[in-house]
């Protein structure tokens, strides 16, 4: 490959990589706009199942903080799921209403 072309390809590759990194959140936002909302499930803290956790008060306190964060994340997860179910029901109702309107009018409804 000629040196000038190689340099241009390298610059183009870096520009594409930079655009990909900057635009990475785009698909998630697009999914939410299209009606897909992902609720990430929380994972219990590992410290609860680790024998060393119970060896000192400092470790117990540290694990207690992790358990508190876990409980809060479960609450947030439940709220997210509730919102997603409500969104799906609204979307379904709107789709059915649009469909029924079209069938009754025998034309595409606005």
PDB file of N, CA and C in Angstrom:
ATOM      1  N   UNK A   1       0.855  -1.168   0.000  1.00  0.00           N
ATOM      2  CA  UNK A   1       0.000   0.000   0.000  1.00  0.00           C
ATOM      3  C   UNK A   1       0.902   1.233   0.000  1.00  0.00           C
ATOM      4  N   UNK A   2       0.627   2.207  -0.870  1.00  0.00           N
ATOM      5  CA  UNK A   2       1.437   3.419  -0.908  1.00  0.00           C
ATOM      6  C   UNK A   2       1.383   4.150   0.431  1.00  0.00           C
ATOM      7  N   UNK A   3       2.481   4.817   0.827  1.00  0.00           N
ATOM      8  CA  UNK A   3       2.528   5.490   2.130  1.00  0.00           C
ATOM      9  C   UNK A   3       1.405   6.493   2.343  1.00  0.00           C
ATOM     10  N   UNK A   4       1.062   7.280   1.340  1.00  0.00           N
ATOM     11  CA  UNK A   4      -0.010   8.270   1.482  1.00  0.00           C
ATOM     12  C   UNK A   4      -1.350   7.616   1.730  1.00  0.00           C
ATOM     13  N   UNK A   5      -1.615   6.509   1.031  1.00  0.00           N
ATOM     14  CA  UNK A   5      -2.870   5.789   1.184  1.00  0.00           C
ATOM     15  C   UNK A   5      -2.933   5.109   2.550  1.00  0.00           C
ATOM     16  N   UNK A   6      -1.807   4.597   2.992  1.00  0.00           N
ATOM     17  CA  UNK A   6      -1.744   3.950   4.297  1.00  0.00           C
ATOM     18  C   UNK A   6      -2.062   4.948   5.409  1.00  0.00           C
ATOM     19  N   UNK A   7      -1.503   6.159   5.284  1.00  0.00           N
ATOM     20  CA  UNK A   7      -1.760   7.189   6.294  1.00  0.00           C
ATOM     21  C   UNK A   7      -3.231   7.599   6.275  1.00  0.00           C
ATOM     22  N   UNK A   8      -3.814   7.747   5.085  1.00  0.00           N
ATOM     23  CA  UNK A   8      -5.230   8.114   4.968  1.00  0.00           C
ATOM     24  C   UNK A   8      -6.111   7.029   5.576  1.00  0.00           C
ATOM     25  N   UNK A   9      -5.772   5.774   5.329  1.00  0.00           N
ATOM     26  CA  UNK A   9      -6.548   4.668   5.890  1.00  0.00           C
ATOM     27  C   UNK A   9      -6.461   4.663   7.409  1.00  0.00           C
ATOM     28  N   UNK A  10      -5.275   4.964   7.935  1.00  0.00           N
ATOM     29  CA  UNK A  10      -5.085   5.011   9.377  1.00  0.00           C
ATOM     30  C   UNK A  10      -5.910   6.132  10.005  1.00  0.00           C
ATOM     31  N   UNK A  11      -5.907   7.301   9.365  1.00  0.00           N
ATOM     32  CA  UNK A  11      -6.688   8.434   9.866  1.00  0.00           C
ATOM     33  C   UNK A  11      -8.178   8.108   9.825  1.00  0.00           C
ATOM     34  N   UNK A  12      -8.616   7.508   8.730  1.00  0.00           N
ATOM     35  CA  UNK A  12     -10.016   7.136   8.589  1.00  0.00           C
ATOM     36  C   UNK A  12     -10.422   6.110   9.645  1.00  0.00           C
ATOM     37  N   UNK A  13      -9.551   5.142   9.888  1.00  0.00           N
ATOM     38  CA  UNK A  13      -9.845   4.120  10.890  1.00  0.00           C
ATOM     39  C   UNK A  13      -9.975   4.750  12.278  1.00  0.00           C
ATOM     40  N   UNK A  14      -9.079   5.692  12.617  1.00  0.00           N
ATOM     41  CA  UNK A  14      -9.160   6.365  13.920  1.00  0.00           C
ATOM     42  C   UNK A  14     -10.436   7.196  14.034  1.00  0.00           C
ATOM     43  N   UNK A  15     -10.824   7.836  12.946  1.00  0.00           N
ATOM     44  CA  UNK A  15     -12.052   8.643  12.954  1.00  0.00           C
ATOM     45  C   UNK A  15     -13.275   7.750  13.164  1.00  0.00           C
ATOM     46  N   UNK A  16     -13.288   6.600  12.510  1.00  0.00           N
ATOM     47  CA  UNK A  16     -14.401   5.660  12.686  1.00  0.00           C
ATOM     48  C   UNK A  16     -14.459   5.133  14.110  1.00  0.00           C
ATOM     49  N   UNK A  17     -13.306   4.818  14.670  1.00  0.00           N
ATOM     50  CA  UNK A  17     -13.256   4.337  16.046  1.00  0.00           C
ATOM     51  C   UNK A  17     -13.757   5.410  17.005  1.00  0.00           C
ATOM     52  N   UNK A  18     -13.327   6.645  16.801  1.00  0.00           N
ATOM     53  CA  UNK A  18     -13.769   7.747  17.666  1.00  0.00           C
ATOM     54  C   UNK A  18     -15.274   7.943  17.551  1.00  0.00           C
ATOM     55  N   UNK A  19     -15.805   7.870  16.343  1.00  0.00           N
ATOM     56  CA  UNK A  19     -17.251   8.029  16.149  1.00  0.00           C
ATOM     57  C   UNK A  19     -18.005   6.898  16.828  1.00  0.00           C
ATOM     58  N   UNK A  20     -17.474   5.688  16.734  1.00  0.00           N
ATOM     59  CA  UNK A  20     -18.117   4.544  17.375  1.00  0.00           C
ATOM     60  C   UNK A  20     -18.155   4.717  18.886  1.00  0.00           C
ATOM     61  N   UNK A  21     -17.073   5.159  19.456  1.00  0.00           N
ATOM     62  CA  UNK A  21     -17.018   5.349  20.905  1.00  0.00           C
ATOM     63  C   UNK A  21     -17.995   6.441  21.332  1.00  0.00           C
ATOM     64  N   UNK A  22     -18.031   7.537  20.603  1.00  0.00           N
ATOM     65  CA  UNK A  22     -18.914   8.652  20.952  1.00  0.00           C
ATOM     66  C   UNK A  22     -20.380   8.309  20.761  1.00  0.00           C
ATOM     67  N   UNK A  23     -20.666   7.457  19.793  1.00  0.00           N
ATOM     68  CA  UNK A  23     -22.053   7.147  19.478  1.00  0.00           C
ATOM     69  C   UNK A  23     -22.547   5.868  20.141  1.00  0.00           C
ATOM     70  N   UNK A  24     -21.731   5.229  20.948  1.00  0.00           N
ATOM     71  CA  UNK A  24     -22.108   3.952  21.558  1.00  0.00           C
ATOM     72  C   UNK A  24     -23.425   4.003  22.317  1.00  0.00           C
ATOM     73  N   UNK A  25     -23.734   5.072  23.092  1.00  0.00           N
ATOM     74  CA  UNK A  25     -25.013   5.104  23.798  1.00  0.00           C
ATOM     75  C   UNK A  25     -26.206   5.222  22.855  1.00  0.00           C
ATOM     76  N   UNK A  26     -25.986   5.608  21.619  1.00  0.00           N
ATOM     77  CA  UNK A  26     -27.064   5.810  20.664  1.00  0.00           C
ATOM     78  C   UNK A  26     -28.030   4.643  20.541  1.00  0.00           C
ATOM     79  N   UNK A  27     -27.549   3.402  20.341  1.00  0.00           N
ATOM     80  CA  UNK A  27     -28.477   2.287  20.208  1.00  0.00           C
ATOM     81  C   UNK A  27     -29.374   2.101  21.432  1.00  0.00           C
ATOM     82  N   UNK A  28     -28.841   2.293  22.614  1.00  0.00           N
ATOM     83  CA  UNK A  28     -29.669   2.146  23.818  1.00  0.00           C
ATOM     84  C   UNK A  28     -30.755   3.206  23.845  1.00  0.00           C
ATOM     85  N   UNK A  29     -30.398   4.448  23.485  1.00  0.00           N
ATOM     86  CA  UNK A  29     -31.394   5.513  23.456  1.00  0.00           C
ATOM     87  C   UNK A  29     -32.424   5.251  22.370  1.00  0.00           C
ATOM     88  N   UNK A  30     -31.972   4.757  21.235  1.00  0.00           N
ATOM     89  CA  UNK A  30     -32.891   4.443  20.148  1.00  0.00           C
ATOM     90  C   UNK A  30     -33.845   3.335  20.560  1.00  0.00           C
ATOM     91  N   UNK A  31     -33.332   2.335  21.261  1.00  0.00           N
ATOM     92  CA  UNK A  31     -34.195   1.253  21.714  1.00  0.00           C
ATOM     93  C   UNK A  31     -35.268   1.779  22.651  1.00  0.00           C
ATOM     94  N   UNK A  32     -34.889   2.668  23.568  1.00  0.00           N
ATOM     95  CA  UNK A  32     -35.864   3.215  24.501  1.00  0.00           C
ATOM     96  C   UNK A  32     -36.904   4.028  23.733  1.00  0.00           C
ATOM     97  N   UNK A  33     -36.467   4.813  22.733  1.00  0.00           N
ATOM     98  CA  UNK A  33     -37.385   5.620  21.942  1.00  0.00           C
ATOM     99  C   UNK A  33     -38.336   4.728  21.143  1.00  0.00           C
ATOM    100  N   UNK A  34     -37.859   3.559  20.734  1.00  0.00           N
ATOM    101  CA  UNK A  34     -38.701   2.634  19.972  1.00  0.00           C
ATOM    102  C   UNK A  34     -39.601   1.818  20.895  1.00  0.00           C
ATOM    103  N   UNK A  35     -39.444   1.971  22.191  1.00  0.00           N
ATOM    104  CA  UNK A  35     -40.319   1.267  23.106  1.00  0.00           C
ATOM    105  C   UNK A  35     -39.679   0.125  23.861  1.00  0.00           C
ATOM    106  N   UNK A  36     -38.388  -0.022  23.726  1.00  0.00           N
ATOM    107  CA  UNK A  36     -37.724  -1.095  24.458  1.00  0.00           C
ATOM    108  C   UNK A  36     -36.932  -0.495  25.601  1.00  0.00           C
ATOM    109  N   UNK A  37     -37.304  -0.840  26.809  1.00  0.00           N
ATOM    110  CA  UNK A  37     -36.571  -0.358  27.971  1.00  0.00           C
ATOM    111  C   UNK A  37     -36.001  -1.545  28.727  1.00  0.00           C
ATOM    112  N   UNK A  38     -34.702  -1.610  28.805  1.00  0.00           N
ATOM    113  CA  UNK A  38     -34.074  -2.737  29.492  1.00  0.00           C
ATOM    114  C   UNK A  38     -33.861  -2.400  30.952  1.00  0.00           C
ATOM    115  N   UNK A  39     -34.326  -3.258  31.813  1.00  0.00           N
ATOM    116  CA  UNK A  39     -34.125  -3.112  33.246  1.00  0.00           C
ATOM    117  C   UNK A  39     -33.056  -4.129  33.665  1.00  0.00           C
ATOM    118  N   UNK A  40     -31.900  -3.628  34.030  1.00  0.00           N
ATOM    119  CA  UNK A  40     -30.797  -4.507  34.414  1.00  0.00           C
ATOM    120  C   UNK A  40     -31.060  -5.107  35.791  1.00  0.00           C
ATOM    121  N   UNK A  41     -31.084  -6.424  35.881  1.00  0.00           N
ATOM    122  CA  UNK A  41     -31.344  -7.045  37.188  1.00  0.00           C
ATOM    123  C   UNK A  41     -30.161  -6.863  38.133  1.00  0.00           C
ATOM    124  N   UNK A  42     -30.445  -6.617  39.394  1.00  0.00           N
ATOM    125  CA  UNK A  42     -29.363  -6.486  40.372  1.00  0.00           C
ATOM    126  C   UNK A  42     -28.804  -7.857  40.741  1.00  0.00           C
ATOM    127  N   UNK A  43     -27.574  -7.843  41.217  1.00  0.00           N
ATOM    128  CA  UNK A  43     -26.942  -9.099  41.647  1.00  0.00           C
ATOM    129  C   UNK A  43     -26.583  -8.974  43.127  1.00  0.00           C
ATOM    130  N   UNK A  44     -26.901 -10.006  43.902  1.00  0.00           N
ATOM    131  CA  UNK A  44     -26.590  -9.953  45.335  1.00  0.00           C
ATOM    132  C   UNK A  44     -25.087  -9.798  45.567  1.00  0.00           C
ATOM    133  N   UNK A  45     -24.717  -9.095  46.617  1.00  0.00           N
ATOM    134  CA  UNK A  45     -23.284  -8.929  46.898  1.00  0.00           C
ATOM    135  C   UNK A  45     -22.649 -10.261  47.289  1.00  0.00           C
ATOM    136  N   UNK A  46     -21.455 -10.484  46.783  1.00  0.00           N
ATOM    137  CA  UNK A  46     -20.749 -11.736  47.064  1.00  0.00           C
ATOM    138  C   UNK A  46     -20.308 -11.834  48.519  1.00  0.00           C
ATOM    139  N   UNK A  47     -20.141 -10.677  49.145  1.00  0.00           N
ATOM    140  CA  UNK A  47     -19.625 -10.691  50.522  1.00  0.00           C
ATOM    141  C   UNK A  47     -20.525 -11.464  51.470  1.00  0.00           C
ATOM    142  N   UNK A  48     -21.811 -11.558  51.152  1.00  0.00           N
ATOM    143  CA  UNK A  48     -22.746 -12.273  52.021  1.00  0.00           C
ATOM    144  C   UNK A  48     -22.377 -13.750  52.120  1.00  0.00           C
ATOM    145  N   UNK A  49     -21.815 -14.292  51.041  1.00  0.00           N
ATOM    146  CA  UNK A  49     -21.464 -15.713  50.994  1.00  0.00           C
ATOM    147  C   UNK A  49     -19.983 -15.969  51.221  1.00  0.00           C
ATOM    148  N   UNK A  50     -19.241 -14.952  51.612  1.00  0.00           N
ATOM    149  CA  UNK A  50     -17.811 -15.097  51.829  1.00  0.00           C
ATOM    150  C   UNK A  50     -17.534 -15.216  53.325  1.00  0.00           C
ATOM    151  N   UNK A  51     -16.910 -16.333  53.761  1.00  0.00           N
ATOM    152  CA  UNK A  51     -16.661 -16.530  55.194  1.00  0.00           C
ATOM    153  C   UNK A  51     -15.851 -15.394  55.839  1.00  0.00           C
ATOM    154  N   UNK A  52     -14.903 -14.824  55.107  1.00  0.00           N
ATOM    155  CA  UNK A  52     -14.056 -13.775  55.657  1.00  0.00           C
ATOM    156  C   UNK A  52     -14.824 -12.504  56.009  1.00  0.00           C
ATOM    157  N   UNK A  53     -16.003 -12.353  55.457  1.00  0.00           N
ATOM    158  CA  UNK A  53     -16.816 -11.162  55.728  1.00  0.00           C
ATOM    159  C   UNK A  53     -17.124 -11.035  57.207  1.00  0.00           C
ATOM    160  N   UNK A  54     -17.286 -12.151  57.866  1.00  0.00           N
ATOM    161  CA  UNK A  54     -17.750 -12.154  59.254  1.00  0.00           C
ATOM    162  C   UNK A  54     -16.615 -12.180  60.271  1.00  0.00           C
ATOM    163  N   UNK A  55     -15.387 -11.996  59.769  1.00  0.00           N
ATOM    164  CA  UNK A  55     -14.212 -12.082  60.640  1.00  0.00           C
ATOM    165  C   UNK A  55     -13.962 -10.814  61.440  1.00  0.00           C
ATOM    166  N   UNK A  56     -14.385  -9.669  60.924  1.00  0.00           N
ATOM    167  CA  UNK A  56     -14.123  -8.423  61.640  1.00  0.00           C
ATOM    168  C   UNK A  56     -15.289  -7.454  61.451  1.00  0.00           C
ATOM    169  N   UNK A  57     -15.399  -6.538  62.378  1.00  0.00           N
ATOM    170  CA  UNK A  57     -16.472  -5.549  62.300  1.00  0.00           C
ATOM    171  C   UNK A  57     -16.323  -4.665  61.059  1.00  0.00           C
ATOM    172  N   UNK A  58     -15.089  -4.380  60.688  1.00  0.00           N
ATOM    173  CA  UNK A  58     -14.857  -3.557  59.502  1.00  0.00           C
ATOM    174  C   UNK A  58     -15.396  -4.248  58.243  1.00  0.00           C
ATOM    175  N   UNK A  59     -15.155  -5.550  58.127  1.00  0.00           N
ATOM    176  CA  UNK A  59     -15.652  -6.308  56.971  1.00  0.00           C
ATOM    177  C   UNK A  59     -17.180  -6.410  57.005  1.00  0.00           C
ATOM    178  N   UNK A  60     -17.728  -6.582  58.191  1.00  0.00           N
ATOM    179  CA  UNK A  60     -19.189  -6.635  58.338  1.00  0.00           C
ATOM    180  C   UNK A  60     -19.796  -5.300  57.904  1.00  0.00           C
ATOM    181  N   UNK A  61     -19.201  -4.201  58.338  1.00  0.00           N
ATOM    182  CA  UNK A  61     -19.701  -2.875  57.976  1.00  0.00           C
ATOM    183  C   UNK A  61     -19.612  -2.643  56.466  1.00  0.00           C
ATOM    184  N   UNK A  62     -18.505  -3.065  55.896  1.00  0.00           N
ATOM    185  CA  UNK A  62     -18.316  -2.921  54.445  1.00  0.00           C
ATOM    186  C   UNK A  62     -19.382  -3.722  53.695  1.00  0.00           C
ATOM    187  N   UNK A  63     -19.632  -4.942  54.134  1.00  0.00           N
ATOM    188  CA  UNK A  63     -20.637  -5.781  53.490  1.00  0.00           C
ATOM    189  C   UNK A  63     -22.037  -5.200  53.707  1.00  0.00           C
ATOM    190  N   UNK A  64     -22.267  -4.628  54.885  1.00  0.00           N
ATOM    191  CA  UNK A  64     -23.568  -4.010  55.152  1.00  0.00           C
ATOM    192  C   UNK A  64     -23.849  -2.899  54.148  1.00  0.00           C
ATOM    193  N   UNK A  65     -22.824  -2.128  53.805  1.00  0.00           N
ATOM    194  CA  UNK A  65     -22.970  -1.074  52.795  1.00  0.00           C
ATOM    195  C   UNK A  65     -23.335  -1.688  51.435  1.00  0.00           C
ATOM    196  N   UNK A  66     -22.687  -2.795  51.098  1.00  0.00           N
ATOM    197  CA  UNK A  66     -22.983  -3.470  49.828  1.00  0.00           C
ATOM    198  C   UNK A  66     -24.406  -4.023  49.823  1.00  0.00           C
ATOM    199  N   UNK A  67     -24.834  -4.573  50.956  1.00  0.00           N
ATOM    200  CA  UNK A  67     -26.205  -5.095  51.063  1.00  0.00           C
ATOM    201  C   UNK A  67     -27.206  -3.948  50.919  1.00  0.00           C
ATOM    202  N   UNK A  68     -26.929  -2.817  51.537  1.00  0.00           N
ATOM    203  CA  UNK A  68     -27.814  -1.656  51.421  1.00  0.00           C
ATOM    204  C   UNK A  68     -27.932  -1.196  49.962  1.00  0.00           C
ATOM    205  N   UNK A  69     -26.790  -1.141  49.271  1.00  0.00           N
ATOM    206  CA  UNK A  69     -26.810  -0.763  47.854  1.00  0.00           C
ATOM    207  C   UNK A  69     -27.609  -1.777  47.034  1.00  0.00           C
ATOM    208  N   UNK A  70     -27.456  -3.040  47.369  1.00  0.00           N
ATOM    209  CA  UNK A  70     -28.190  -4.096  46.678  1.00  0.00           C
ATOM    210  C   UNK A  70     -29.703  -3.932  46.878  1.00  0.00           C
ATOM    211  N   UNK A  71     -30.113  -3.706  48.108  1.00  0.00           N
ATOM    212  CA  UNK A  71     -31.539  -3.526  48.393  1.00  0.00           C
ATOM    213  C   UNK A  71     -32.081  -2.317  47.617  1.00  0.00           C
ATOM    214  N   UNK A  72     -31.320  -1.229  47.582  1.00  0.00           N
ATOM    215  CA  UNK A  72     -31.742  -0.052  46.825  1.00  0.00           C
ATOM    216  C   UNK A  72     -31.824  -0.352  45.333  1.00  0.00           C
ATOM    217  N   UNK A  73     -30.894  -1.155  44.829  1.00  0.00           N
ATOM    218  CA  UNK A  73     -30.921  -1.479  43.401  1.00  0.00           C
ATOM    219  C   UNK A  73     -32.100  -2.398  43.070  1.00  0.00           C
ATOM    220  N   UNK A  74     -32.501  -3.244  44.003  1.00  0.00           N
ATOM    221  CA  UNK A  74     -33.680  -4.085  43.794  1.00  0.00           C
ATOM    222  C   UNK A  74     -34.924  -3.205  43.711  1.00  0.00           C
ATOM    223  N   UNK A  75     -34.995  -2.208  44.566  1.00  0.00           N
ATOM    224  CA  UNK A  75     -36.122  -1.273  44.526  1.00  0.00           C
ATOM    225  C   UNK A  75     -36.160  -0.551  43.184  1.00  0.00           C
ATOM    226  N   UNK A  76     -35.017  -0.062  42.740  1.00  0.00           N
ATOM    227  CA  UNK A  76     -34.946   0.625  41.439  1.00  0.00           C
ATOM    228  C   UNK A  76     -35.315  -0.326  40.299  1.00  0.00           C
ATOM    229  N   UNK A  77     -34.906  -1.569  40.405  1.00  0.00           N
ATOM    230  CA  UNK A  77     -35.216  -2.582  39.391  1.00  0.00           C
ATOM    231  C   UNK A  77     -36.722  -2.815  39.306  1.00  0.00           C
ATOM    232  N   UNK A  78     -37.347  -2.906  40.452  1.00  0.00           N
ATOM    233  CA  UNK A  78     -38.801  -3.110  40.480  1.00  0.00           C
ATOM    234  C   UNK A  78     -39.532  -1.922  39.865  1.00  0.00           C
ATOM    235  N   UNK A  79     -39.082  -0.713  40.162  1.00  0.00           N
ATOM    236  CA  UNK A  79     -39.683   0.483  39.576  1.00  0.00           C
ATOM    237  C   UNK A  79     -39.505   0.459  38.056  1.00  0.00           C
ATOM    238  N   UNK A  80     -38.318   0.122  37.601  1.00  0.00           N
ATOM    239  CA  UNK A  80     -38.030   0.043  36.171  1.00  0.00           C
ATOM    240  C   UNK A  80     -38.957  -0.964  35.491  1.00  0.00           C
ATOM    241  N   UNK A  81     -39.104  -2.130  36.092  1.00  0.00           N
ATOM    242  CA  UNK A  81     -39.970  -3.153  35.508  1.00  0.00           C
ATOM    243  C   UNK A  81     -41.422  -2.685  35.456  1.00  0.00           C
ATOM    244  N   UNK A  82     -41.878  -2.045  36.502  1.00  0.00           N
ATOM    245  CA  UNK A  82     -43.246  -1.531  36.535  1.00  0.00           C
ATOM    246  C   UNK A  82     -43.451  -0.509  35.427  1.00  0.00           C
ATOM    247  N   UNK A  83     -42.485   0.402  35.272  1.00  0.00           N
ATOM    248  CA  UNK A  83     -42.584   1.409  34.218  1.00  0.00           C
ATOM    249  C   UNK A  83     -42.574   0.767  32.834  1.00  0.00           C
ATOM    250  N   UNK A  84     -41.761  -0.252  32.649  1.00  0.00           N
ATOM    251  CA  UNK A  84     -41.683  -0.923  31.357  1.00  0.00           C
ATOM    252  C   UNK A  84     -42.979  -1.658  31.045  1.00  0.00           C
ATOM    253  N   UNK A  85     -43.583  -2.301  32.034  1.00  0.00           N
ATOM    254  CA  UNK A  85     -44.862  -2.984  31.819  1.00  0.00           C
ATOM    255  C   UNK A  85     -45.936  -1.958  31.465  1.00  0.00           C
ATOM    256  N   UNK A  86     -45.964  -0.846  32.196  1.00  0.00           N
ATOM    257  CA  UNK A  86     -46.950   0.203  31.903  1.00  0.00           C
ATOM    258  C   UNK A  86     -46.758   0.768  30.504  1.00  0.00           C
ATOM    259  N   UNK A  87     -45.515   0.972  30.094  1.00  0.00           N
ATOM    260  CA  UNK A  87     -45.228   1.464  28.755  1.00  0.00           C
ATOM    261  C   UNK A  87     -45.703   0.475  27.694  1.00  0.00           C
ATOM    262  N   UNK A  88     -45.446  -0.808  27.931  1.00  0.00           N
ATOM    263  CA  UNK A  88     -45.853  -1.843  26.979  1.00  0.00           C
ATOM    264  C   UNK A  88     -47.374  -1.916  26.864  1.00  0.00           C
ATOM    265  N   UNK A  89     -48.066  -1.763  27.963  1.00  0.00           N
ATOM    266  CA  UNK A  89     -49.536  -1.781  27.943  1.00  0.00           C
ATOM    267  C   UNK A  89     -50.060  -0.570  27.165  1.00  0.00           C
ATOM    268  N   UNK A  90     -49.489   0.619  27.419  1.00  0.00           N
ATOM    269  CA  UNK A  90     -49.906   1.816  26.673  1.00  0.00           C
ATOM    270  C   UNK A  90     -49.678   1.634  25.174  1.00  0.00           C
ATOM    271  N   UNK A  91     -48.519   1.103  24.821  1.00  0.00           N
ATOM    272  CA  UNK A  91     -48.203   0.887  23.413  1.00  0.00           C
ATOM    273  C   UNK A  91     -49.166  -0.113  22.788  1.00  0.00           C
ATOM    274  N   UNK A  92     -49.472  -1.171  23.501  1.00  0.00           N
ATOM    275  CA  UNK A  92     -50.408  -2.180  23.008  1.00  0.00           C
ATOM    276  C   UNK A  92     -51.792  -1.580  22.814  1.00  0.00           C
ATOM    277  N   UNK A  93     -52.254  -0.822  23.794  1.00  0.00           N
ATOM    278  CA  UNK A  93     -53.575  -0.191  23.683  1.00  0.00           C
ATOM    279  C   UNK A  93     -53.633   0.777  22.509  1.00  0.00           C
ATOM    280  N   UNK A  94     -52.580   1.562  22.316  1.00  0.00           N
ATOM    281  CA  UNK A  94     -52.549   2.507  21.198  1.00  0.00           C
ATOM    282  C   UNK A  94     -52.547   1.764  19.861  1.00  0.00           C
ATOM    283  N   UNK A  95     -51.810   0.665  19.791  1.00  0.00           N
ATOM    284  CA  UNK A  95     -51.771  -0.128  18.565  1.00  0.00           C
ATOM    285  C   UNK A  95     -53.147  -0.714  18.261  1.00  0.00           C
ATOM    286  N   UNK A  96     -53.790  -1.261  19.282  1.00  0.00           N
ATOM    287  CA  UNK A  96     -55.137  -1.829  19.083  1.00  0.00           C
ATOM    288  C   UNK A  96     -56.134  -0.752  18.678  1.00  0.00           C
ATOM    289  N   UNK A  97     -56.062   0.413  19.292  1.00  0.00           N
ATOM    290  CA  UNK A  97     -56.960   1.510  18.955  1.00  0.00           C
ATOM    291  C   UNK A  97     -56.742   1.953  17.503  1.00  0.00           C
ATOM    292  N   UNK A  98     -55.492   2.060  17.101  1.00  0.00           N
ATOM    293  CA  UNK A  98     -55.162   2.440  15.728  1.00  0.00           C
ATOM    294  C   UNK A  98     -55.689   1.391  14.747  1.00  0.00           C
ATOM    295  N   UNK A  99     -55.517   0.136  15.100  1.00  0.00           N
ATOM    296  CA  UNK A  99     -55.987  -0.964  14.250  1.00  0.00           C
ATOM    297  C   UNK A  99     -57.508  -0.946  14.120  1.00  0.00           C
ATOM    298  N   UNK A 100     -58.199  -0.836  15.239  1.00  0.00           N
ATOM    299  CA  UNK A 100     -59.673  -0.823  15.222  1.00  0.00           C
ATOM    300  C   UNK A 100     -60.203   0.353  14.419  1.00  0.00           C
ATOM    301  N   UNK A 101     -59.567   1.501  14.541  1.00  0.00           N
ATOM    302  CA  UNK A 101     -59.973   2.676  13.774  1.00  0.00           C
ATOM    303  C   UNK A 101     -59.844   2.406  12.286  1.00  0.00           C
ATOM    304  N   UNK A 102     -58.725   1.821  11.892  1.00  0.00           N
ATOM    305  CA  UNK A 102     -58.503   1.514  10.482  1.00  0.00           C
ATOM    306  C   UNK A 102     -59.496   0.502   9.942  1.00  0.00           C
ATOM    307  N   UNK A 103     -59.797  -0.537  10.731  1.00  0.00           N
ATOM    308  CA  UNK A 103     -60.747  -1.554  10.313  1.00  0.00           C
ATOM    309  C   UNK A 103     -62.133  -0.946  10.169  1.00  0.00           C
ATOM    310  N   UNK A 104     -62.547  -0.118  11.135  1.00  0.00           N
ATOM    311  CA  UNK A 104     -63.886   0.499  11.087  1.00  0.00           C
ATOM    312  C   UNK A 104     -64.014   1.465   9.918  1.00  0.00           C
ATOM    313  N   UNK A 105     -62.964   2.240   9.639  1.00  0.00           N
ATOM    314  CA  UNK A 105     -63.012   3.230   8.569  1.00  0.00           C
ATOM    315  C   UNK A 105     -62.607   2.665   7.217  1.00  0.00           C
ATOM    316  N   UNK A 106     -62.044   1.465   7.209  1.00  0.00           N
ATOM    317  CA  UNK A 106     -61.533   0.823   5.992  1.00  0.00           C
ATOM    318  C   UNK A 106     -60.425   1.636   5.328  1.00  0.00           C
ATOM    319  N   UNK A 107     -59.740   2.455   6.120  1.00  0.00           N
ATOM    320  CA  UNK A 107     -58.580   3.236   5.658  1.00  0.00           C
ATOM    321  C   UNK A 107     -57.605   3.348   6.804  1.00  0.00           C
ATOM    322  N   UNK A 108     -56.393   3.727   6.459  1.00  0.00           N
ATOM    323  CA  UNK A 108     -55.377   3.950   7.489  1.00  0.00           C
ATOM    324  C   UNK A 108     -55.740   5.179   8.308  1.00  0.00           C
ATOM    325  N   UNK A 109     -55.853   5.025   9.584  1.00  0.00           N
ATOM    326  CA  UNK A 109     -56.203   6.154  10.456  1.00  0.00           C
ATOM    327  C   UNK A 109     -54.939   6.934  10.818  1.00  0.00           C
ATOM    328  N   UNK A 110     -55.123   8.232  11.039  1.00  0.00           N
ATOM    329  CA  UNK A 110     -53.946   9.057  11.429  1.00  0.00           C
ATOM    330  C   UNK A 110     -53.484   8.763  12.831  1.00  0.00           C
TER     331      UNK A 110
END
